[in-house]
Protein backbone atom coordinates (compact mmCIF):
# COMPACT_ATOMS: atom_id res chain seq x y z
CA MET A 1 100.85 212.76 117.81
CA GLU A 2 103.74 213.55 120.14
CA GLN A 3 102.86 213.89 123.83
CA LYS A 4 104.05 217.17 125.37
CA ILE A 5 105.32 217.22 128.93
CA VAL A 6 103.98 220.08 131.01
CA SER A 7 106.75 222.28 132.40
CA ARG A 8 107.41 222.11 136.13
CA ASP A 9 107.03 225.91 136.11
CA ILE A 10 103.31 225.28 135.57
CA PHE A 11 102.70 221.86 137.11
CA ASN A 12 104.73 220.77 140.11
CA VAL A 13 104.94 217.32 141.69
CA GLY A 14 107.18 216.71 144.66
CA VAL A 15 107.91 214.10 147.30
CA PHE A 16 109.25 213.92 150.85
CA MET A 17 110.42 210.58 152.27
CA ILE A 18 109.93 209.70 155.93
CA ILE A 19 112.50 207.02 156.78
CA PRO A 20 112.56 205.55 160.28
CA ASN A 21 115.66 203.67 161.42
CA VAL A 22 115.46 199.90 162.02
CA LYS A 23 114.34 200.33 165.65
CA GLY A 24 111.85 203.04 164.69
CA ASP A 25 113.13 205.47 167.31
CA CYS A 26 114.77 207.94 164.89
CA ILE A 27 113.78 209.61 161.59
CA LEU A 28 116.24 210.62 158.85
CA PHE A 29 116.71 214.33 158.05
CA VAL A 30 119.11 216.22 155.78
CA ARG A 31 120.31 219.81 155.75
CA ASP A 32 120.43 221.96 152.63
CA PRO A 33 122.98 224.80 152.94
CA ALA A 34 120.35 227.27 151.65
CA GLN A 35 117.89 226.37 154.44
CA LYS A 36 118.02 227.36 158.11
CA GLY A 37 117.08 223.90 159.29
CA PHE A 38 116.83 220.21 158.55
CA SER A 39 114.25 218.71 156.21
CA LEU A 40 113.06 215.34 155.03
CA PRO A 41 114.89 214.04 151.95
CA GLY A 42 112.94 214.56 148.75
CA GLY A 43 112.52 216.47 145.54
CA ALA A 44 110.81 216.42 142.17
CA PRO A 45 110.81 213.97 139.24
CA ARG A 46 113.58 214.55 136.72
CA GLU A 47 112.42 214.98 133.16
CA ASP A 48 115.91 214.20 131.87
CA ILE A 49 115.83 210.63 133.26
CA HIS A 50 112.65 209.49 131.54
CA PRO A 51 109.34 211.12 132.41
CA ALA A 52 107.33 207.94 131.83
CA THR A 53 109.39 205.86 134.28
CA GLU A 54 110.33 208.45 136.93
CA ASN A 55 107.15 208.06 139.00
CA ILE A 56 106.71 209.59 142.44
CA LEU A 57 107.88 206.46 144.30
CA LEU A 58 111.06 206.19 142.23
CA THR A 59 111.62 209.92 142.70
CA GLY A 60 111.57 209.46 146.48
CA VAL A 61 114.02 206.56 146.29
CA ARG A 62 116.38 208.44 143.93
CA GLU A 63 116.27 211.71 145.89
CA THR A 64 116.92 209.91 149.20
CA LYS A 65 119.98 208.19 147.74
CA GLU A 66 121.25 211.44 146.17
CA GLU A 67 120.68 213.65 149.21
CA ALA A 68 121.25 211.31 152.17
CA CYS A 69 123.32 208.45 150.70
CA VAL A 70 120.70 206.01 151.95
CA ILE A 71 119.08 203.19 149.98
CA VAL A 72 115.38 202.76 150.70
CA VAL A 73 112.33 201.10 149.23
CA PRO A 74 108.95 202.81 149.39
CA ARG A 75 106.48 201.24 151.84
CA ARG A 76 103.40 203.40 151.28
CA ILE A 77 102.20 206.84 150.31
CA ILE A 78 101.02 208.36 153.56
CA GLY A 79 100.05 211.83 152.45
CA MET A 80 99.31 214.04 149.49
CA PHE A 81 98.73 217.77 149.60
CA SER A 82 97.85 220.18 146.84
CA LEU A 83 100.26 223.05 146.29
CA GLN A 84 97.97 226.05 146.16
CA HIS A 85 100.60 228.41 144.72
CA LYS A 86 101.12 226.06 141.72
CA LEU A 87 99.20 223.29 140.07
CA GLY A 88 100.57 220.17 141.64
CA PHE A 89 100.94 217.90 144.62
CA LEU A 90 103.41 217.14 147.39
CA HIS A 91 103.50 213.44 148.29
CA ILE A 92 104.68 212.11 151.65
CA ILE A 93 106.06 208.56 151.38
CA GLU A 94 107.14 206.21 154.14
CA GLY A 95 110.33 204.40 153.20
CA VAL A 96 112.03 201.28 154.54
CA LEU A 97 115.76 201.56 155.22
CA ILE A 98 117.80 199.04 153.21
CA GLU A 99 121.35 200.38 153.51
CA GLU A 100 123.12 203.44 154.82
CA LEU A 101 126.08 204.38 152.61
CA PRO A 102 128.98 206.63 153.68
CA PHE A 103 127.70 210.21 153.56
CA LYS A 104 129.29 212.59 151.04
CA PRO A 105 128.32 216.28 151.35
CA LYS A 106 127.10 217.81 148.09
CA PHE A 107 125.87 221.18 146.86
CA GLU A 108 122.27 220.41 147.92
CA THR A 109 122.92 218.49 151.15
CA VAL A 110 125.68 219.21 153.64
CA GLU A 111 124.57 216.98 156.52
CA ARG A 112 122.58 213.81 157.24
CA LYS A 113 121.17 213.26 160.71
CA TRP A 114 119.02 210.68 162.49
CA VAL A 115 116.77 212.65 164.84
CA SER A 116 115.13 210.89 167.79
CA VAL A 117 111.36 210.62 167.92
CA ALA A 118 111.48 212.29 171.35
CA ASP A 119 113.27 215.35 169.90
CA ILE A 120 110.84 215.55 166.98
CA MET A 121 107.83 215.39 169.30
CA ALA A 122 109.27 217.89 171.82
CA GLU A 123 107.79 221.37 171.84
CA VAL A 124 111.28 222.88 172.15
CA GLN A 125 113.90 221.90 169.60
CA ASN A 126 117.00 220.42 171.24
CA GLY A 127 119.77 221.40 168.87
CA THR A 128 118.21 220.12 165.64
CA PRO A 129 116.24 222.88 163.93
CA ILE A 130 113.71 221.13 161.69
CA LEU A 131 111.72 223.18 159.17
CA LEU A 132 108.27 223.84 160.63
CA ALA A 133 106.09 222.13 158.01
CA GLN A 134 108.37 219.09 157.93
CA ARG A 135 108.26 218.84 161.72
CA ALA A 136 104.43 218.95 161.64
CA VAL A 137 104.22 216.21 159.00
CA THR A 138 106.74 214.03 160.87
CA GLN A 139 104.89 214.50 164.18
CA GLU A 140 101.65 213.37 162.51
CA TYR A 141 103.47 210.36 161.06
CA ILE A 142 104.88 209.40 164.48
CA ALA A 143 101.49 209.77 166.15
CA HIS A 144 99.71 207.60 163.56
CA ARG A 145 102.36 205.35 161.99
CA ASP A 146 100.71 202.11 163.12
CA VAL A 147 97.38 203.01 161.52
CA ASP A 148 96.59 201.51 158.10
CA ASP A 149 94.22 204.33 157.09
CA PHE A 150 96.86 207.01 157.52
CA PRO A 151 95.48 210.40 158.65
CA LEU A 152 97.61 212.45 156.26
CA PHE A 153 96.04 210.72 153.29
CA GLY A 154 92.53 211.22 151.85
CA SER A 155 90.66 210.44 155.07
CA TYR A 156 92.38 213.11 157.14
CA LYS A 157 89.88 214.23 159.78
CA ASP A 158 91.20 217.71 160.57
CA PRO A 159 91.08 220.09 157.55
CA VAL A 160 92.35 222.95 159.73
CA SER A 161 95.66 221.12 160.19
CA ILE A 162 95.94 220.48 156.46
CA ALA A 163 95.31 224.17 155.75
CA LYS A 164 97.92 225.11 158.37
CA PHE A 165 100.41 222.73 156.75
CA VAL A 166 99.84 224.20 153.29
CA ARG A 167 100.21 227.77 154.62
CA THR A 168 103.46 226.80 156.34
CA MET A 169 104.81 225.17 153.16
CA LYS A 170 104.11 228.37 151.22
CA ARG A 171 106.18 230.42 153.69
CA GLN A 172 109.26 228.22 153.39
């Protein structure tokens, strides 16, 4: 019996990669021309590659290379949120920077930028508009990045913040 792949119109799986620089004082963001601000690199698995081998970690690696021209390896999954408007999940993955290639603007990404931790944590954005939900996730990562039991994953202690994150994602 042939296995049928569920359409992404019905079931959606996505990934965002959080990639700190070598010193850990900046995080990588990209800008999509359709968005008003910067976001974390990421996307969805591609069914045309090979659905059985394009897992969520490989998706993050591929999307980061495509969007930001950066080669990374996944370190750990640090978050997973259900997408209430569709059946599916958004995964947040911490990546380790391997190599930064020359950036080439494309239809989906027109700019790559390393944003300082201080600017991400600041209440007022200093010239780098980061999409609200992505800023919240990155701030949580910065605040807890040295913790093994990461708070964005299953043991997250503040369900109000998770609900706020999901509401924010739905608005974007």
